[in-house]
């Protein structure tokens, strides 16, 4: 397409087992007026070779010679895209064939809507649907209310008008190792009307070592609290600490939110085990609890959590 309406930004790093299915799910969309910008972030597997095997004119590659991480890679892709509507697709996930066809008409009919998402269903690492997804609100005010408490809409489902991202300047702020989608969505919904459609159109793959799940220490877990605090600062009418470049304040926040994890050295492992059980990654949950018990074998809560994980895995009730 000479003038694609939609730009898909797809950063990829060591995604060789999944990248072909992700790309195919996009190229096989029933809606066709899009461009797909892909950047291999200096992978050490065959990800780049798989990407480069595609000859479709809609695919444009902007590979990194060194590993730049997701925030910079997405920013570079955005600076090279031309579409009026932008979406960011993960390299290990899958789009439903009618995903774009369902979403794009909303932007055409509703000029007051600047971001639109939909529900996401989790699938196993091999792509088997788990029937596990969260219902999303459609009212902009309700979305804001829910997002201030939890990350209900900061995910790969969202499509965003280009002018919103241009106004923000930075899409993913480099501070964030995870929760970067949460931070982005909060910064958008604070100033722009948004909505969702209540259909599951994106399949989120449960990959144990993905950015959002590979958490060997507690540090990434506290970023959700940091994200929420930054949003409260903006809500009060002032710039947040990252905008002020107040790194000392950020460090103070990190120290504050770290206290429970410093007092309980295996708390983060139990929290991650609980999360893995919720998303039906039981084996990962059990492995985290074995690690917790090795670190603190006398802690009763670790044994109780392990017992729970094993019981739910064996009996599935």
Protein backbone atom coordinates (compact mmCIF):
# COMPACT_ATOMS: atom_id res chain seq x y z
CA UNK A 1 0.00 0.00 0.00
CA UNK A 2 1.31 3.47 -0.88
CA UNK A 3 -0.61 5.16 1.93
CA UNK A 4 -1.23 2.60 4.66
CA UNK A 5 -3.70 3.70 7.32
CA UNK A 6 -2.27 1.41 10.00
CA UNK A 7 1.32 0.90 11.09
CA UNK A 8 2.19 -2.21 13.09
CA UNK A 9 5.40 -1.94 15.12
CA UNK A 10 6.93 -5.32 15.89
CA UNK A 11 10.14 -5.46 17.95
CA UNK A 12 11.66 -8.94 18.20
CA UNK A 13 14.41 -10.48 20.29
CA UNK A 14 15.21 -14.21 20.35
CA UNK A 15 11.68 -15.07 19.22
CA UNK A 16 12.57 -17.72 16.64
CA UNK A 17 10.03 -20.31 17.85
CA UNK A 18 7.15 -17.83 17.59
CA UNK A 19 7.97 -15.00 15.17
CA UNK A 20 6.64 -16.74 12.03
CA UNK A 21 3.22 -17.35 13.58
CA UNK A 22 3.11 -13.72 14.77
CA UNK A 23 3.97 -12.33 11.32
CA UNK A 24 1.62 -14.71 9.50
CA UNK A 25 -1.25 -13.69 11.77
CA UNK A 26 -0.71 -10.08 10.67
CA UNK A 27 -0.18 -10.67 6.97
CA UNK A 28 -3.34 -12.81 6.89
CA UNK A 29 -5.59 -10.09 8.28
CA UNK A 30 -8.89 -9.57 6.46
CA UNK A 31 -8.11 -5.83 6.58
CA UNK A 32 -5.13 -5.11 4.32
CA UNK A 33 -4.33 -1.37 4.38
CA UNK A 34 -1.35 -1.56 6.73
CA UNK A 35 2.41 -1.62 6.89
CA UNK A 36 4.37 -3.96 9.17
CA UNK A 37 7.61 -2.55 10.54
CA UNK A 38 9.84 -5.16 12.17
CA UNK A 39 13.12 -4.76 14.02
CA UNK A 40 15.22 -7.66 15.15
CA UNK A 41 16.99 -6.40 18.28
CA UNK A 42 20.30 -8.18 17.68
CA UNK A 43 18.94 -11.65 18.42
CA UNK A 44 21.32 -14.53 19.02
CA UNK A 45 18.98 -17.08 17.42
CA UNK A 46 17.46 -17.29 13.92
CA UNK A 47 14.84 -14.57 14.48
CA UNK A 48 16.38 -12.20 11.94
CA UNK A 49 16.70 -14.86 9.25
CA UNK A 50 13.02 -15.79 9.65
CA UNK A 51 11.98 -12.14 9.38
CA UNK A 52 14.13 -11.59 6.30
CA UNK A 53 12.60 -14.60 4.55
CA UNK A 54 9.38 -12.62 3.98
CA UNK A 55 9.04 -10.89 0.60
CA UNK A 56 5.66 -9.25 1.21
CA UNK A 57 5.79 -5.56 0.23
CA UNK A 58 3.97 -4.60 3.43
CA UNK A 59 6.91 -5.81 5.52
CA UNK A 60 9.64 -3.25 6.23
CA UNK A 61 12.67 -4.16 8.32
CA UNK A 62 14.78 -1.90 10.55
CA UNK A 63 17.12 -4.28 12.34
CA UNK A 64 19.43 -3.26 15.19
CA UNK A 65 23.13 -4.06 14.98
CA UNK A 66 23.32 -4.04 18.78
CA UNK A 67 20.68 -4.83 21.39
CA UNK A 68 18.82 -1.58 22.12
CA UNK A 69 15.97 -3.05 24.22
CA UNK A 70 12.27 -2.63 23.55
CA UNK A 71 11.74 1.10 24.37
CA UNK A 72 14.37 2.38 21.91
CA UNK A 73 13.49 -0.22 19.30
CA UNK A 74 9.80 0.74 19.32
CA UNK A 75 10.71 4.44 19.19
CA UNK A 76 12.90 3.86 16.12
CA UNK A 77 10.12 1.94 14.39
CA UNK A 78 7.62 4.69 15.14
CA UNK A 79 9.92 7.30 13.64
CA UNK A 80 9.98 5.28 10.41
CA UNK A 81 6.28 4.50 10.14
CA UNK A 82 3.69 6.45 8.12
CA UNK A 83 0.30 5.23 9.35
CA UNK A 84 -2.30 7.40 11.08
CA UNK A 85 -3.16 4.58 13.50
CA UNK A 86 -0.43 2.71 15.39
CA UNK A 87 -0.37 -0.62 17.19
CA UNK A 88 2.56 -2.44 18.81
CA UNK A 89 2.62 -6.23 18.41
CA UNK A 90 4.70 -8.63 20.48
CA UNK A 91 6.86 -11.11 18.60
CA UNK A 92 5.50 -14.16 20.43
CA UNK A 93 1.78 -13.34 20.20
CA UNK A 94 -0.95 -13.90 17.61
CA UNK A 95 -3.63 -11.63 16.13
CA UNK A 96 -7.09 -12.93 15.24
CA UNK A 97 -7.66 -12.70 11.45
CA UNK A 98 -10.44 -10.09 11.78
CA UNK A 99 -8.71 -8.02 14.47
CA UNK A 100 -8.02 -4.95 12.30
CA UNK A 101 -11.35 -5.23 10.50
CA UNK A 102 -13.11 -5.02 13.88
CA UNK A 103 -11.10 -2.10 15.28
CA UNK A 104 -10.41 0.33 12.42
CA UNK A 105 -14.08 1.26 11.73
CA UNK A 106 -14.31 2.61 15.28
CA UNK A 107 -11.67 5.22 14.54
CA UNK A 108 -13.48 6.18 11.33
CA UNK A 109 -16.88 6.51 13.02
CA UNK A 110 -15.72 8.00 16.33
CA UNK A 111 -13.43 10.98 15.77
CA UNK A 112 -13.52 11.58 19.54
CA UNK A 113 -11.77 8.25 20.24
CA UNK A 114 -7.97 8.33 20.35
CA UNK A 115 -7.18 4.85 21.66
CA UNK A 116 -9.17 1.65 21.23
CA UNK A 117 -8.41 -1.82 22.53
CA UNK A 118 -10.11 -5.17 22.95
CA UNK A 119 -9.93 -8.25 25.11
CA UNK A 120 -6.94 -10.58 25.04
CA UNK A 121 -6.98 -14.34 25.53
CA UNK A 122 -4.02 -16.20 26.95
CA UNK A 123 -2.69 -19.28 25.17
CA UNK A 124 -0.09 -21.85 26.15
CA UNK A 125 3.46 -21.66 24.86
CA UNK A 126 2.39 -24.00 22.04
CA UNK A 127 -0.63 -21.81 21.20
CA UNK A 128 -3.47 -23.76 22.83
CA UNK A 129 -6.21 -21.37 24.06
CA UNK A 130 -6.61 -21.27 27.84
CA UNK A 131 -10.01 -19.56 27.89
CA UNK A 132 -8.49 -16.99 30.22
CA UNK A 133 -9.11 -13.32 29.59
CA UNK A 134 -10.28 -10.24 31.45
CA UNK A 135 -13.42 -8.34 30.53
CA UNK A 136 -12.67 -4.74 29.58
CA UNK A 137 -14.76 -1.62 30.10
CA UNK A 138 -15.97 0.39 27.12
CA UNK A 139 -16.67 3.69 28.90
CA UNK A 140 -13.68 6.05 29.00
CA UNK A 141 -14.39 7.17 32.57
CA UNK A 142 -14.64 3.58 33.80
CA UNK A 143 -11.40 2.71 32.01
CA UNK A 144 -9.60 5.51 33.85
CA UNK A 145 -11.09 4.42 37.18
CA UNK A 146 -9.98 0.81 36.69
CA UNK A 147 -6.54 1.73 35.37
CA UNK A 148 -5.73 3.79 38.47
CA UNK A 149 -6.08 0.59 40.52
CA UNK A 150 -4.64 -2.03 38.15
CA UNK A 151 -3.28 -2.50 34.65
CA UNK A 152 -6.50 -3.42 32.82
CA UNK A 153 -5.77 -1.69 29.49
CA UNK A 154 -2.01 -1.28 29.18
CA UNK A 155 -1.37 -4.12 26.76
CA UNK A 156 -0.76 -5.04 23.13
CA UNK A 157 -4.46 -4.84 22.22
CA UNK A 158 -4.49 -1.08 21.83
CA UNK A 159 -4.55 0.95 18.62
CA UNK A 160 -3.57 4.62 19.01
CA UNK A 161 -3.94 7.65 16.78
CA UNK A 162 -0.59 8.87 15.54
CA UNK A 163 -1.02 12.43 16.87
CA UNK A 164 -1.30 11.08 20.42
CA UNK A 165 2.10 9.42 20.25
CA UNK A 166 3.61 12.46 18.56
CA UNK A 167 2.28 14.61 21.40
CA UNK A 168 3.76 12.27 24.02
CA UNK A 169 7.13 12.30 22.28
CA UNK A 170 8.47 9.18 23.99
CA UNK A 171 6.37 6.03 23.66
CA UNK A 172 7.99 3.64 26.13
CA UNK A 173 10.00 5.49 28.74
CA UNK A 174 13.42 3.81 29.10
CA UNK A 175 13.12 3.64 32.90
CA UNK A 176 10.65 0.75 32.61
CA UNK A 177 11.86 -2.82 32.20
CA UNK A 178 8.27 -4.00 32.43
CA UNK A 179 4.96 -2.17 32.95
CA UNK A 180 5.98 0.06 30.03
CA UNK A 181 2.58 -0.58 28.39
CA UNK A 182 0.85 0.37 31.64
CA UNK A 183 2.75 3.66 31.83
CA UNK A 184 1.99 4.44 28.18
CA UNK A 185 -1.73 3.71 28.53
CA UNK A 186 -2.04 5.81 31.69
CA UNK A 187 -0.39 8.78 30.01
CA UNK A 188 -2.88 8.47 27.13
CA UNK A 189 -6.14 7.96 29.03
CA UNK A 190 -5.41 10.96 31.26
CA UNK A 191 -5.80 13.29 28.30
CA UNK A 192 -7.66 11.43 25.56
CA UNK A 193 -10.96 9.59 25.28
CA UNK A 194 -10.56 5.85 24.86
CA UNK A 195 -12.73 2.76 24.48
CA UNK A 196 -12.62 -1.03 24.02
CA UNK A 197 -14.63 -3.57 22.14
CA UNK A 198 -15.61 -6.61 24.18
CA UNK A 199 -14.21 -9.25 21.85
CA UNK A 200 -11.09 -11.37 22.22
CA UNK A 201 -8.95 -10.59 19.15
CA UNK A 202 -5.37 -11.16 20.34
CA UNK A 203 -3.71 -14.25 21.77
CA UNK A 204 -1.10 -13.61 24.44
CA UNK A 205 1.37 -16.46 24.60
CA UNK A 206 2.49 -17.70 28.01
CA UNK A 207 6.26 -17.74 27.48
CA UNK A 208 8.10 -18.17 30.82
CA UNK A 209 11.14 -16.04 29.94
CA UNK A 210 9.32 -13.11 28.31
CA UNK A 211 9.90 -9.54 29.54
CA UNK A 212 6.83 -9.54 31.78
CA UNK A 213 7.53 -12.92 33.37
CA UNK A 214 11.29 -13.31 33.72
CA UNK A 215 11.59 -11.77 37.18
CA UNK A 216 14.39 -13.37 39.27
CA UNK A 217 14.37 -10.46 41.77
CA UNK A 218 11.70 -8.17 43.20
CA UNK A 219 12.87 -5.02 41.38
CA UNK A 220 10.58 -5.34 38.37
CA UNK A 221 7.59 -6.07 40.59
CA UNK A 222 7.69 -2.65 42.22
CA UNK A 223 7.46 -0.80 38.91
CA UNK A 224 3.66 -1.13 38.87
CA UNK A 225 3.55 0.83 42.14
CA UNK A 226 6.00 3.37 40.73
CA UNK A 227 3.84 3.69 37.62
CA UNK A 228 0.73 4.35 39.70
CA UNK A 229 2.53 6.92 41.83
CA UNK A 230 3.74 8.79 38.75
CA UNK A 231 0.15 8.87 37.49
CA UNK A 232 -0.98 10.40 40.81
CA UNK A 233 1.63 13.11 40.42
CA UNK A 234 0.32 14.00 36.97
CA UNK A 235 -3.25 13.86 38.24
CA UNK A 236 -2.36 16.57 40.76
CA UNK A 237 -1.41 18.86 37.88
CA UNK A 238 2.36 18.65 37.95
CA UNK A 239 4.98 16.81 35.96
CA UNK A 240 5.85 13.36 37.24
CA UNK A 241 9.30 12.50 38.55
CA UNK A 242 10.48 11.02 35.25
CA UNK A 243 9.38 14.14 33.38
CA UNK A 244 11.18 16.26 36.00
CA UNK A 245 14.21 13.96 35.70
CA UNK A 246 14.14 13.71 39.49
CA UNK A 247 16.09 10.48 39.80
CA UNK A 248 16.56 10.94 43.55
CA UNK A 249 12.79 10.93 44.02
CA UNK A 250 12.49 7.78 41.90
CA UNK A 251 15.11 6.09 44.07
CA UNK A 252 13.16 7.09 47.17
CA UNK A 253 10.03 5.53 45.68
CA UNK A 254 11.91 2.35 44.88
CA UNK A 255 13.25 2.15 48.44
CA UNK A 256 9.75 2.66 49.85
CA UNK A 257 8.13 0.00 47.68
CA UNK A 258 11.05 -2.39 48.23
CA UNK A 259 10.62 -2.62 52.00
CA UNK A 260 8.25 -5.64 52.06
CA UNK A 261 10.63 -7.56 49.78
CA UNK A 262 13.66 -6.67 51.89
CA UNK A 263 11.90 -7.88 55.03
CA UNK A 264 10.77 -11.11 53.33
CA UNK A 265 13.47 -12.33 50.95
CA UNK A 266 11.21 -14.78 49.12
CA UNK A 267 8.03 -12.68 48.93
CA UNK A 268 8.64 -11.87 45.26
CA UNK A 269 8.92 -15.58 44.44
CA UNK A 270 5.58 -16.33 46.12
CA UNK A 271 3.94 -13.42 44.30
CA UNK A 272 5.26 -14.66 40.98
CA UNK A 273 4.11 -18.20 41.78
CA UNK A 274 0.62 -16.85 42.47
CA UNK A 275 0.68 -14.99 39.15
CA UNK A 276 1.84 -18.08 37.26
CA UNK A 277 -0.95 -20.16 38.81
CA UNK A 278 -3.47 -17.52 37.73
CA UNK A 279 -2.29 -17.66 34.11
CA UNK A 280 -2.17 -21.48 34.21
CA UNK A 281 1.62 -21.74 34.05
CA UNK A 282 1.68 -24.21 36.92
CA UNK A 283 5.10 -25.70 36.20
CA UNK A 284 6.71 -22.25 36.37
CA UNK A 285 4.88 -21.55 39.65
CA UNK A 286 6.21 -24.76 41.19
CA UNK A 287 9.76 -24.00 40.00
CA UNK A 288 9.60 -20.57 41.62
CA UNK A 289 8.50 -22.12 44.90
CA UNK A 290 11.31 -24.67 44.81
CA UNK A 291 13.67 -21.72 44.43
CA UNK A 292 11.98 -19.95 47.37
CA UNK A 293 12.36 -23.02 49.59
CA UNK A 294 16.03 -23.38 48.68
CA UNK A 295 16.53 -19.77 49.76
CA UNK A 296 14.42 -19.97 52.93
CA UNK A 297 13.68 -23.60 53.81
CA UNK A 298 12.25 -22.78 57.26
CA UNK A 299 9.62 -20.32 56.02
CA UNK A 300 6.18 -21.91 56.43
CA UNK A 301 4.51 -19.64 53.84
CA UNK A 302 6.85 -21.01 51.16
CA UNK A 303 5.88 -24.60 51.91
CA UNK A 304 2.19 -23.69 52.01
CA UNK A 305 2.39 -21.97 48.64
CA UNK A 306 4.26 -24.91 47.11
CA UNK A 307 1.65 -27.30 48.53
CA UNK A 308 -1.12 -25.18 47.02
CA UNK A 309 0.58 -25.10 43.59
CA UNK A 310 1.10 -28.86 43.54
CA UNK A 311 -2.43 -29.63 44.77
CA UNK A 312 -4.04 -27.35 42.15
CA UNK A 313 -1.83 -28.88 39.45
CA UNK A 314 -2.60 -32.49 40.35
CA UNK A 315 -6.30 -32.19 41.03
CA UNK A 316 -7.26 -29.14 38.91
CA UNK A 317 -10.32 -28.00 40.85
